[in-house]
PDB file of N, CA and C in Angstrom:
ATOM      1  N   MET A   1       0.834  -1.343  -0.018  1.00  0.00           N
ATOM      2  CA  MET A   1      -0.009   0.055   0.067  1.00  0.00           C
ATOM      3  C   MET A   1       0.858   1.203   0.003  1.00  0.00           C
ATOM      4  N   PRO A   2       2.057   1.231   0.624  1.00  0.00           N
ATOM      5  CA  PRO A   2       2.802   2.414   0.621  1.00  0.00           C
ATOM      6  C   PRO A   2       2.991   3.148  -0.836  1.00  0.00           C
ATOM      7  N   ALA A   3       3.241   2.039  -1.829  1.00  0.00           N
ATOM      8  CA  ALA A   3       3.677   2.407  -3.072  1.00  0.00           C
ATOM      9  C   ALA A   3       2.412   3.190  -3.628  1.00  0.00           C
ATOM     10  N   SER A   4       1.100   2.663  -3.461  1.00  0.00           N
ATOM     11  CA  SER A   4       0.043   3.643  -4.067  1.00  0.00           C
ATOM     12  C   SER A   4      -0.133   4.930  -3.271  1.00  0.00           C
ATOM     13  N   ASP A   5       0.341   4.903  -2.158  1.00  0.00           N
ATOM     14  CA  ASP A   5       0.015   6.231  -1.429  1.00  0.00           C
ATOM     15  C   ASP A   5       1.140   7.137  -1.879  1.00  0.00           C
ATOM     16  N   ASN A   6       2.288   6.574  -2.120  1.00  0.00           N
ATOM     17  CA  ASN A   6       3.362   7.563  -2.828  1.00  0.00           C
ATOM     18  C   ASN A   6       3.010   7.954  -4.188  1.00  0.00           C
ATOM     19  N   GLY A   7       2.404   7.176  -4.938  1.00  0.00           N
ATOM     20  CA  GLY A   7       1.901   7.513  -6.232  1.00  0.00           C
ATOM     21  C   GLY A   7       0.990   8.656  -6.167  1.00  0.00           C
ATOM     22  N   LYS A   8      -0.124   8.407  -5.254  1.00  0.00           N
ATOM     23  CA  LYS A   8      -1.062   9.422  -4.878  1.00  0.00           C
ATOM     24  C   LYS A   8      -0.222  10.945  -4.774  1.00  0.00           C
ATOM     25  N   TYR A   9       0.787  10.658  -3.834  1.00  0.00           N
ATOM     26  CA  TYR A   9       1.310  12.066  -3.409  1.00  0.00           C
ATOM     27  C   TYR A   9       2.135  12.672  -4.652  1.00  0.00           C
ATOM     28  N   ASN A  10       2.578  11.852  -5.551  1.00  0.00           N
ATOM     29  CA  ASN A  10       3.361  12.221  -6.648  1.00  0.00           C
ATOM     30  C   ASN A  10       2.478  12.938  -7.549  1.00  0.00           C
ATOM     31  N   ALA A  11       1.344  12.324  -7.810  1.00  0.00           N
ATOM     32  CA  ALA A  11       0.303  12.988  -8.687  1.00  0.00           C
ATOM     33  C   ALA A  11      -0.233  14.249  -8.120  1.00  0.00           C
ATOM     34  N   LEU A  12      -0.533  14.467  -6.783  1.00  0.00           N
ATOM     35  CA  LEU A  12      -0.851  15.473  -6.079  1.00  0.00           C
ATOM     36  C   LEU A  12       0.281  16.706  -6.385  1.00  0.00           C
ATOM     37  N   THR A  13       1.395  16.285  -6.172  1.00  0.00           N
ATOM     38  CA  THR A  13       2.638  17.278  -6.367  1.00  0.00           C
ATOM     39  C   THR A  13       2.655  17.666  -7.764  1.00  0.00           C
ATOM     40  N   VAL A  14       2.403  16.716  -8.771  1.00  0.00           N
ATOM     41  CA  VAL A  14       2.677  17.232 -10.119  1.00  0.00           C
ATOM     42  C   VAL A  14       1.394  18.247 -10.352  1.00  0.00           C
ATOM     43  N   TYR A  15       0.042  17.864 -10.017  1.00  0.00           N
ATOM     44  CA  TYR A  15      -1.060  18.681 -10.232  1.00  0.00           C
ATOM     45  C   TYR A  15      -0.784  20.036  -9.693  1.00  0.00           C
ATOM     46  N   ILE A  16      -0.325  20.115  -8.307  1.00  0.00           N
ATOM     47  CA  ILE A  16       0.028  21.323  -7.749  1.00  0.00           C
ATOM     48  C   ILE A  16       1.100  22.177  -8.419  1.00  0.00           C
ATOM     49  N   ILE A  17       2.220  21.501  -8.931  1.00  0.00           N
ATOM     50  CA  ILE A  17       3.151  22.251  -9.744  1.00  0.00           C
ATOM     51  C   ILE A  17       2.604  22.683 -11.016  1.00  0.00           C
ATOM     52  N   LEU A  18       1.769  21.932 -11.627  1.00  0.00           N
ATOM     53  CA  LEU A  18       0.994  22.509 -13.003  1.00  0.00           C
ATOM     54  C   LEU A  18       0.244  23.594 -12.750  1.00  0.00           C
ATOM     55  N   ILE A  19      -0.682  23.495 -11.669  1.00  0.00           N
ATOM     56  CA  ILE A  19      -1.524  24.746 -11.356  1.00  0.00           C
ATOM     57  C   ILE A  19      -0.663  26.099 -10.864  1.00  0.00           C
ATOM     58  N   VAL A  20       0.432  25.784 -10.307  1.00  0.00           N
ATOM     59  CA  VAL A  20       1.222  26.985  -9.987  1.00  0.00           C
ATOM     60  C   VAL A  20       1.930  27.419 -11.254  1.00  0.00           C
ATOM     61  N   VAL A  21       2.314  26.740 -12.037  1.00  0.00           N
ATOM     62  CA  VAL A  21       3.020  27.173 -13.192  1.00  0.00           C
ATOM     63  C   VAL A  21       1.938  27.790 -14.163  1.00  0.00           C
ATOM     64  N   VAL A  22       0.739  27.250 -14.345  1.00  0.00           N
ATOM     65  CA  VAL A  22      -0.353  28.139 -15.228  1.00  0.00           C
ATOM     66  C   VAL A  22      -0.633  29.251 -14.428  1.00  0.00           C
ATOM     67  N   ALA A  23      -0.699  29.399 -13.133  1.00  0.00           N
ATOM     68  CA  ALA A  23      -1.227  30.563 -12.554  1.00  0.00           C
ATOM     69  C   ALA A  23      -0.149  31.726 -12.785  1.00  0.00           C
ATOM     70  N   CYS A  24       1.206  31.253 -12.566  1.00  0.00           N
ATOM     71  CA  CYS A  24       2.255  32.166 -12.776  1.00  0.00           C
ATOM     72  C   CYS A  24       2.134  32.627 -14.183  1.00  0.00           C
ATOM     73  N   ALA A  25       1.912  31.741 -15.218  1.00  0.00           N
ATOM     74  CA  ALA A  25       1.796  32.220 -16.730  1.00  0.00           C
ATOM     75  C   ALA A  25       0.783  33.189 -16.880  1.00  0.00           C
ATOM     76  N   LEU A  26      -0.386  32.862 -16.120  1.00  0.00           N
ATOM     77  CA  LEU A  26      -1.452  33.898 -16.366  1.00  0.00           C
ATOM     78  C   LEU A  26      -1.155  35.160 -15.949  1.00  0.00           C
ATOM     79  N   VAL A  27      -0.448  35.164 -14.743  1.00  0.00           N
ATOM     80  CA  VAL A  27      -0.215  36.526 -13.969  1.00  0.00           C
ATOM     81  C   VAL A  27       0.693  37.333 -14.899  1.00  0.00           C
ATOM     82  N   ILE A  28       1.796  36.459 -15.418  1.00  0.00           N
ATOM     83  CA  ILE A  28       2.850  37.223 -16.050  1.00  0.00           C
ATOM     84  C   ILE A  28       2.258  37.862 -17.289  1.00  0.00           C
ATOM     85  N   GLY A  29       1.389  36.865 -18.059  1.00  0.00           N
ATOM     86  CA  GLY A  29       0.718  37.143 -19.240  1.00  0.00           C
ATOM     87  C   GLY A  29      -0.053  38.543 -19.060  1.00  0.00           C
ATOM     88  N   GLY A  30      -0.821  38.488 -17.960  1.00  0.00           N
ATOM     89  CA  GLY A  30      -1.694  39.692 -17.631  1.00  0.00           C
ATOM     90  C   GLY A  30      -0.858  40.808 -17.400  1.00  0.00           C
ATOM     91  N   ILE A  31       0.164  40.857 -16.654  1.00  0.00           N
ATOM     92  CA  ILE A  31       1.019  42.083 -16.361  1.00  0.00           C
ATOM     93  C   ILE A  31       1.538  42.423 -17.811  1.00  0.00           C
ATOM     94  N   VAL A  32       1.997  41.693 -18.554  1.00  0.00           N
ATOM     95  CA  VAL A  32       2.732  41.969 -19.987  1.00  0.00           C
ATOM     96  C   VAL A  32       1.606  42.574 -20.710  1.00  0.00           C
ATOM     97  N   PHE A  33       0.437  42.069 -20.784  1.00  0.00           N
ATOM     98  CA  PHE A  33      -0.557  42.623 -21.651  1.00  0.00           C
ATOM     99  C   PHE A  33      -1.177  43.897 -21.183  1.00  0.00           C
ATOM    100  N   TYR A  34      -1.306  43.944 -19.801  1.00  0.00           N
ATOM    101  CA  TYR A  34      -1.751  45.314 -19.278  1.00  0.00           C
ATOM    102  C   TYR A  34      -0.774  46.547 -19.532  1.00  0.00           C
ATOM    103  N   ARG A  35       0.594  46.136 -19.439  1.00  0.00           N
ATOM    104  CA  ARG A  35       1.722  47.168 -19.462  1.00  0.00           C
ATOM    105  C   ARG A  35       1.669  47.365 -21.055  1.00  0.00           C
ATOM    106  N   GLY A  36       1.420  46.381 -21.838  1.00  0.00           N
ATOM    107  CA  GLY A  36       1.619  46.712 -23.389  1.00  0.00           C
ATOM    108  C   GLY A  36       0.337  47.708 -23.775  1.00  0.00           C
ATOM    109  N   GLU A  37      -0.745  47.507 -23.263  1.00  0.00           N
ATOM    110  CA  GLU A  37      -1.919  48.395 -23.665  1.00  0.00           C
ATOM    111  C   GLU A  37      -1.439  49.784 -23.687  1.00  0.00           C
ATOM    112  N   PRO A  38      -1.113  50.464 -22.742  1.00  0.00           N
ATOM    113  CA  PRO A  38      -0.892  51.930 -22.535  1.00  0.00           C
ATOM    114  C   PRO A  38       0.267  52.152 -23.444  1.00  0.00           C
ATOM    115  N   GLN A  39       1.227  51.587 -23.601  1.00  0.00           N
ATOM    116  CA  GLN A  39       2.396  51.845 -24.695  1.00  0.00           C
ATOM    117  C   GLN A  39       2.180  51.755 -26.080  1.00  0.00           C
ATOM    118  N   ARG A  40       0.885  51.090 -26.502  1.00  0.00           N
ATOM    119  CA  ARG A  40       0.733  51.126 -27.954  1.00  0.00           C
ATOM    120  C   ARG A  40       0.100  52.380 -28.319  1.00  0.00           C
ATOM    121  N   PRO A  41      -0.916  52.916 -27.685  1.00  0.00           N
ATOM    122  CA  PRO A  41      -1.315  54.312 -28.163  1.00  0.00           C
ATOM    123  C   PRO A  41      -0.506  55.417 -28.209  1.00  0.00           C
ATOM    124  N   GLY A  42       0.709  55.372 -27.467  1.00  0.00           N
ATOM    125  CA  GLY A  42       1.528  56.404 -27.320  1.00  0.00           C
ATOM    126  C   GLY A  42       2.296  56.595 -28.535  1.00  0.00           C
ATOM    127  N   PRO A  43       3.418  55.625 -28.790  1.00  0.00           N
ATOM    128  CA  PRO A  43       4.091  56.041 -30.183  1.00  0.00           C
ATOM    129  C   PRO A  43       3.422  55.245 -31.223  1.00  0.00           C
ATOM    130  N   THR A  44       2.602  56.120 -31.731  1.00  0.00           N
ATOM    131  CA  THR A  44       1.755  55.470 -32.887  1.00  0.00           C
ATOM    132  C   THR A  44       2.283  56.017 -34.206  1.00  0.00           C
ATOM    133  N   SER A  45       2.326  55.272 -35.238  1.00  0.00           N
ATOM    134  CA  SER A  45       2.944  55.607 -36.545  1.00  0.00           C
ATOM    135  C   SER A  45       2.233  56.800 -37.108  1.00  0.00           C
ATOM    136  N   PRO A  46       0.977  56.948 -37.124  1.00  0.00           N
ATOM    137  CA  PRO A  46       0.507  58.081 -37.796  1.00  0.00           C
ATOM    138  C   PRO A  46       0.833  59.361 -37.143  1.00  0.00           C
ATOM    139  N   HIS A  47       0.968  59.418 -35.778  1.00  0.00           N
ATOM    140  CA  HIS A  47       1.542  60.693 -35.253  1.00  0.00           C
ATOM    141  C   HIS A  47       2.905  61.065 -35.654  1.00  0.00           C
ATOM    142  N   ALA A  48       3.782  59.963 -35.784  1.00  0.00           N
ATOM    143  CA  ALA A  48       5.074  60.102 -36.218  1.00  0.00           C
ATOM    144  C   ALA A  48       5.246  60.689 -37.654  1.00  0.00           C
ATOM    145  N   LEU A  49       4.205  60.175 -38.557  1.00  0.00           N
ATOM    146  CA  LEU A  49       4.218  60.586 -39.840  1.00  0.00           C
ATOM    147  C   LEU A  49       3.812  62.119 -39.754  1.00  0.00           C
ATOM    148  N   ASP A  50       2.801  62.378 -39.095  1.00  0.00           N
ATOM    149  CA  ASP A  50       2.333  63.858 -39.038  1.00  0.00           C
ATOM    150  C   ASP A  50       3.353  64.652 -38.609  1.00  0.00           C
ATOM    151  N   GLN A  51       4.220  64.289 -37.526  1.00  0.00           N
ATOM    152  CA  GLN A  51       5.063  65.239 -37.119  1.00  0.00           C
ATOM    153  C   GLN A  51       6.287  65.432 -38.250  1.00  0.00           C
ATOM    154  N   THR A  52       6.567  64.454 -38.991  1.00  0.00           N
ATOM    155  CA  THR A  52       7.564  64.582 -40.064  1.00  0.00           C
ATOM    156  C   THR A  52       7.069  65.496 -41.056  1.00  0.00           C
ATOM    157  N   GLN A  53       5.707  65.379 -41.403  1.00  0.00           N
ATOM    158  CA  GLN A  53       5.183  66.044 -42.652  1.00  0.00           C
ATOM    159  C   GLN A  53       5.206  67.561 -42.025  1.00  0.00           C
TER     160      GLN A  53
END
């Protein structure tokens, strides 16, 4: 029976690690996407073209 218990713990640790990795990926992706939005409207190509003309 200890082998099956060990397998259960290994499965739990694998699921926990996967959940943590997915959560970190979502948080990092959300931060990058949130920071990327305000930067996009700032340096836009039409304004740069208007300034050169």
